[in-house]
C-alpha cells in the first residue's frame, strides 16, 4: 500500500518495456504503491491494456528506446504532463537466441541497440534531469545471464552485462547528487520471452532441474519466477526502504546462478 512505500507513493515514475511481461508488472507495482507511471513501449496495444487496468495511475507514452530523439521527446512530454520523474526503470529488452557463430550482424546490432543503447539513452536523459534536482532512483532490469555463460545467448548475455555495468558506473557518478542507481537481474521468468526458448514439452523441466548438455544447473527454489517477483525487487530499490543502497545488482533467480 502507498503508506508502506516511502519514496514511491505520490512520486512520478517512468518505465520502459511496460507493454507486457516484467515491464508491465513493474509499472503495475509502482502504480499500486501510489506512484503515477509513464509507461513506455513500442507496443501501443500493450500500453493501452495496461493503462485500462491501472485506471488513472498509468499513462501511455509510446516510444522506441533505440531512437535517441524520440526518447528525449518522450521524457520531456512525460515531465510536461506528470511533473518531474522521480523513479526511472529500464526494462525494455529483446532476445535473439543463437550461438556466437550463428549470430547475424543484424541480430547483434539490434540486441545492443535495445538492450544497451536504449538503456544508456534513457538513463542518461533521466540522470541529467535528476542530478539537477538532487534526487532520484534509477533501476535497470538486466539478467542473470550477464553473470554466467549461457549457450546460445551470447548477444543477450553480453548486452545485459554491459547495461548492468553502465548502471553501476552511472551510480558512482551521480551518488553525490543524491541519485541512486541499481540493477535487478532476473533468472527464468514466466514471460513470452522465456517461452520463446521452450521449444518442446521438456523445456520447463530442464530449466527447473538443470540441463547437463547445456552446462546449466537448475533452480534451487524449484520454481520459475513470476513477473511480480521481479517487480517486487524493483519496487524495493526504487523506494526509500533502499535509501542507502546504490550501485548494487540484485539477482532474483531462485539461486540458479549459485552466486556466493
Protein backbone atom coordinates (compact mmCIF):
# COMPACT_ATOMS: atom_id res chain seq x y z
CA UNK A 1 0.00 0.00 0.00
CA UNK A 2 1.20 3.58 -0.62
CA UNK A 3 1.98 4.34 3.02
CA UNK A 4 4.35 1.34 3.19
CA UNK A 5 6.48 2.57 0.29
CA UNK A 6 8.05 5.91 1.22
CA UNK A 7 9.70 7.44 -1.78
CA UNK A 8 7.20 5.78 -4.15
CA UNK A 9 3.75 6.95 -3.08
CA UNK A 10 2.99 10.32 -4.64
CA UNK A 11 6.01 10.17 -6.96
CA UNK A 12 6.26 10.07 -10.75
CA UNK A 13 7.84 7.03 -12.36
CA UNK A 14 8.85 6.14 -15.91
CA UNK A 15 9.07 2.50 -17.02
CA UNK A 16 10.31 1.30 -20.40
CA UNK A 17 9.22 -2.04 -21.81
CA UNK A 18 5.92 -1.57 -19.99
CA UNK A 19 3.73 -3.12 -22.67
CA UNK A 20 3.97 -6.64 -21.29
CA UNK A 21 5.89 -9.08 -19.12
CA UNK A 22 8.21 -7.75 -16.44
CA UNK A 23 7.81 -4.15 -17.59
CA UNK A 24 4.04 -4.29 -17.22
CA UNK A 25 4.41 -5.90 -13.78
CA UNK A 26 6.83 -3.17 -12.68
CA UNK A 27 4.52 -0.40 -13.90
CA UNK A 28 1.55 -2.02 -12.13
CA UNK A 29 3.50 -2.47 -8.89
CA UNK A 30 4.60 1.16 -8.86
CA UNK A 31 1.05 2.31 -9.58
CA UNK A 32 -0.34 0.08 -6.81
CA UNK A 33 2.23 1.59 -4.45
CA UNK A 34 0.93 5.07 -5.17
CA UNK A 35 3.13 6.32 -7.99
CA UNK A 36 1.93 7.87 -11.23
CA UNK A 37 3.61 5.96 -14.06
CA UNK A 38 4.64 6.98 -17.57
CA UNK A 39 4.54 3.66 -19.39
CA UNK A 40 6.85 3.44 -22.41
CA UNK A 41 6.93 0.82 -25.16
CA UNK A 42 6.65 0.35 -28.92
CA UNK A 43 3.72 -1.98 -28.18
CA UNK A 44 0.86 0.53 -28.16
CA UNK A 45 -1.78 -2.16 -27.67
CA UNK A 46 0.02 -3.44 -24.59
CA UNK A 47 0.24 0.07 -23.20
CA UNK A 48 -3.48 0.59 -23.77
CA UNK A 49 -4.32 -2.62 -21.90
CA UNK A 50 -2.02 -1.66 -19.04
CA UNK A 51 -3.48 1.83 -18.74
CA UNK A 52 -7.01 0.37 -18.70
CA UNK A 53 -6.10 -1.98 -15.85
CA UNK A 54 -4.44 0.73 -13.78
CA UNK A 55 -7.05 3.47 -14.26
CA UNK A 56 -5.54 6.96 -13.96
CA UNK A 57 -2.28 5.77 -12.37
CA UNK A 58 -0.61 4.72 -15.64
CA UNK A 59 -0.35 6.88 -18.75
CA UNK A 60 0.96 5.51 -22.06
CA UNK A 61 3.87 7.17 -23.84
CA UNK A 62 4.68 5.14 -26.98
CA UNK A 63 8.34 5.41 -27.94
CA UNK A 64 11.20 3.36 -29.38
CA UNK A 65 14.16 3.40 -26.97
CA UNK A 66 16.57 2.95 -29.89
CA UNK A 67 15.58 6.38 -31.24
CA UNK A 68 17.52 8.99 -29.25
CA UNK A 69 15.39 11.92 -30.39
CA UNK A 70 12.19 10.01 -29.61
CA UNK A 71 13.44 9.18 -26.12
CA UNK A 72 14.34 12.78 -25.38
CA UNK A 73 10.96 13.98 -26.66
CA UNK A 74 9.09 11.29 -24.73
CA UNK A 75 10.76 12.13 -21.41
CA UNK A 76 10.11 15.83 -21.96
CA UNK A 77 6.45 15.07 -22.74
CA UNK A 78 6.13 12.84 -19.67
CA UNK A 79 7.51 15.55 -17.40
CA UNK A 80 5.33 18.20 -19.01
CA UNK A 81 2.26 16.08 -18.30
CA UNK A 82 3.11 14.43 -14.98
CA UNK A 83 5.83 16.60 -13.47
CA UNK A 84 9.44 15.67 -12.66
CA UNK A 85 10.26 11.96 -12.97
CA UNK A 86 11.47 10.69 -9.58
CA UNK A 87 11.88 7.00 -10.48
CA UNK A 88 13.15 5.55 -13.75
CA UNK A 89 13.10 1.84 -14.58
CA UNK A 90 14.66 0.46 -17.78
CA UNK A 91 13.08 -2.88 -18.67
CA UNK A 92 12.84 -2.80 -22.47
CA UNK A 93 14.84 -5.63 -23.99
CA UNK A 94 14.92 -8.20 -26.78
CA UNK A 95 16.32 -11.70 -27.11
CA UNK A 96 17.62 -13.18 -30.39
CA UNK A 97 18.89 -16.65 -29.34
CA UNK A 98 21.76 -18.11 -31.35
CA UNK A 99 25.28 -19.37 -30.88
CA UNK A 100 28.05 -16.86 -31.44
CA UNK A 101 28.92 -18.41 -34.80
CA UNK A 102 25.28 -18.32 -35.90
CA UNK A 103 24.51 -14.78 -34.69
CA UNK A 104 23.98 -12.41 -37.60
CA UNK A 105 25.32 -8.88 -37.71
CA UNK A 106 21.73 -7.65 -37.75
CA UNK A 107 20.71 -9.58 -34.62
CA UNK A 108 23.84 -8.49 -32.75
CA UNK A 109 23.24 -4.83 -33.64
CA UNK A 110 19.52 -4.99 -32.80
CA UNK A 111 20.22 -6.61 -29.42
CA UNK A 112 22.70 -3.94 -28.43
CA UNK A 113 20.54 -1.14 -29.85
CA UNK A 114 17.68 -2.03 -27.48
CA UNK A 115 19.42 -3.66 -24.52
CA UNK A 116 22.39 -1.31 -24.22
CA UNK A 117 22.00 1.89 -26.23
CA UNK A 118 18.32 2.13 -25.29
CA UNK A 119 19.18 1.78 -21.61
CA UNK A 120 22.03 4.29 -21.98
CA UNK A 121 19.81 6.87 -23.66
CA UNK A 122 17.03 6.61 -21.07
CA UNK A 123 19.41 6.60 -18.09
CA UNK A 124 21.43 9.50 -19.44
CA UNK A 125 18.45 11.74 -20.03
CA UNK A 126 16.81 10.92 -16.69
CA UNK A 127 20.10 11.29 -14.80
CA UNK A 128 20.71 14.71 -16.33
CA UNK A 129 17.35 15.85 -15.01
CA UNK A 130 17.60 14.11 -11.65
CA UNK A 131 21.04 15.41 -10.78
CA UNK A 132 19.81 18.95 -11.27
CA UNK A 133 17.03 18.26 -8.78
CA UNK A 134 19.37 16.45 -6.35
CA UNK A 135 17.15 13.37 -6.08
CA UNK A 136 16.02 10.27 -7.93
CA UNK A 137 16.19 6.50 -8.21
CA UNK A 138 17.11 4.57 -11.34
CA UNK A 139 16.78 0.81 -11.76
CA UNK A 140 17.87 -1.32 -14.72
CA UNK A 141 16.39 -4.78 -15.23
CA UNK A 142 19.21 -6.96 -16.52
CA UNK A 143 19.56 -10.74 -16.43
CA UNK A 144 21.42 -13.41 -14.51
CA UNK A 145 22.80 -14.38 -17.92
CA UNK A 146 25.09 -11.35 -17.54
CA UNK A 147 26.97 -13.17 -14.78
CA UNK A 148 27.12 -16.76 -16.00
CA UNK A 149 27.84 -18.13 -19.50
CA UNK A 150 24.82 -19.43 -21.41
CA UNK A 151 24.97 -21.38 -24.65
CA UNK A 152 23.02 -19.78 -27.47
CA UNK A 153 22.61 -16.47 -25.62
CA UNK A 154 25.91 -14.64 -26.11
CA UNK A 155 24.50 -11.45 -27.63
CA UNK A 156 21.80 -11.19 -24.96
CA UNK A 157 24.18 -12.00 -22.10
CA UNK A 158 26.82 -9.56 -23.33
CA UNK A 159 24.25 -6.80 -23.72
CA UNK A 160 22.87 -7.34 -20.23
CA UNK A 161 26.37 -7.32 -18.76
CA UNK A 162 27.03 -4.01 -20.49
CA UNK A 163 23.77 -2.48 -19.24
CA UNK A 164 24.44 -3.64 -15.68
CA UNK A 165 27.92 -2.13 -15.56
CA UNK A 166 26.66 1.05 -17.22
CA UNK A 167 24.12 1.38 -14.41
CA UNK A 168 26.71 0.85 -11.70
CA UNK A 169 29.15 3.36 -13.23
CA UNK A 170 26.38 5.93 -13.50
CA UNK A 171 25.53 5.26 -9.87
CA UNK A 172 29.05 6.19 -8.85
CA UNK A 173 28.96 9.37 -10.89
CA UNK A 174 25.63 10.66 -9.59
CA UNK A 175 25.73 9.49 -5.97
CA UNK A 176 26.89 12.91 -4.81
CA UNK A 177 23.74 14.42 -6.31
CA UNK A 178 21.51 12.12 -4.27
CA UNK A 179 20.58 9.86 -7.20
CA UNK A 180 20.70 6.09 -6.65
CA UNK A 181 21.29 3.57 -9.46
CA UNK A 182 20.80 -0.17 -9.07
CA UNK A 183 20.14 -3.25 -11.18
CA UNK A 184 17.87 -6.26 -10.80
CA UNK A 185 18.93 -9.45 -12.58
CA UNK A 186 16.10 -11.94 -13.10
CA UNK A 187 16.57 -15.58 -13.91
CA UNK A 188 13.98 -17.61 -15.80
CA UNK A 189 10.71 -15.68 -15.54
CA UNK A 190 7.35 -16.69 -16.98
CA UNK A 191 7.15 -14.27 -19.89
CA UNK A 192 6.72 -14.52 -23.64
CA UNK A 193 10.49 -14.12 -23.98
CA UNK A 194 11.15 -17.21 -21.85
CA UNK A 195 8.54 -19.26 -23.68
CA UNK A 196 10.28 -18.41 -26.93
CA UNK A 197 13.06 -20.68 -25.68
CA UNK A 198 10.72 -23.54 -24.73
CA UNK A 199 10.65 -25.49 -27.95
CA UNK A 200 9.48 -28.87 -26.57
CA UNK A 201 7.43 -30.28 -23.70
CA UNK A 202 10.51 -30.99 -21.55
CA UNK A 203 11.87 -27.43 -21.71
CA UNK A 204 10.39 -26.27 -18.41
CA UNK A 205 11.71 -29.35 -16.62
CA UNK A 206 15.21 -28.66 -17.93
CA UNK A 207 15.01 -25.11 -16.59
CA UNK A 208 13.89 -26.28 -13.16
CA UNK A 209 16.13 -29.32 -12.82
CA UNK A 210 19.12 -28.42 -14.97
CA UNK A 211 20.43 -29.38 -18.38
CA UNK A 212 23.90 -31.01 -18.40
CA UNK A 213 24.05 -30.89 -22.20
CA UNK A 214 23.96 -27.07 -21.97
CA UNK A 215 26.16 -26.90 -18.85
CA UNK A 216 23.30 -25.38 -16.92
CA UNK A 217 22.20 -26.01 -13.34
CA UNK A 218 18.54 -25.86 -12.35
CA UNK A 219 16.71 -23.52 -9.99
CA UNK A 220 17.31 -24.45 -6.33
CA UNK A 221 13.98 -22.96 -5.22
CA UNK A 222 12.23 -25.21 -7.72
CA UNK A 223 10.05 -22.66 -9.46
CA UNK A 224 10.10 -20.28 -12.42
CA UNK A 225 9.68 -16.66 -11.31
CA UNK A 226 6.55 -14.68 -11.98
CA UNK A 227 6.97 -11.12 -13.33
CA UNK A 228 5.65 -9.85 -9.98
CA UNK A 229 8.67 -11.39 -8.23
CA UNK A 230 10.95 -9.14 -10.26
CA UNK A 231 8.66 -6.14 -9.82
CA UNK A 232 8.83 -6.52 -6.03
CA UNK A 233 12.62 -6.21 -6.12
CA UNK A 234 12.41 -3.15 -8.36
CA UNK A 235 9.83 -1.59 -6.06
CA UNK A 236 12.11 -2.07 -3.08
CA UNK A 237 15.11 -0.49 -4.81
CA UNK A 238 13.01 2.44 -6.02
CA UNK A 239 11.68 3.13 -2.54
CA UNK A 240 13.18 4.85 0.46
CA UNK A 241 13.47 1.42 2.09
CA UNK A 242 16.60 1.20 -0.09
CA UNK A 243 17.72 4.78 0.52
CA UNK A 244 21.29 3.69 1.39
CA UNK A 245 21.65 1.22 -1.47
CA UNK A 246 23.27 2.19 -4.76
CA UNK A 247 25.48 0.59 -7.44
CA UNK A 248 24.15 -2.86 -6.50
CA UNK A 249 22.89 -5.74 -8.61
CA UNK A 250 20.27 -7.99 -7.01
CA UNK A 251 19.82 -11.45 -8.51
CA UNK A 252 16.21 -12.65 -8.45
CA UNK A 253 16.68 -16.12 -9.91
CA UNK A 254 15.80 -18.65 -7.21
CA UNK A 255 19.52 -19.35 -6.72
CA UNK A 256 20.04 -20.52 -10.30
CA UNK A 257 23.45 -18.91 -10.71
CA UNK A 258 24.72 -20.24 -7.36
CA UNK A 259 26.21 -16.86 -6.56
CA UNK A 260 28.16 -16.73 -3.28
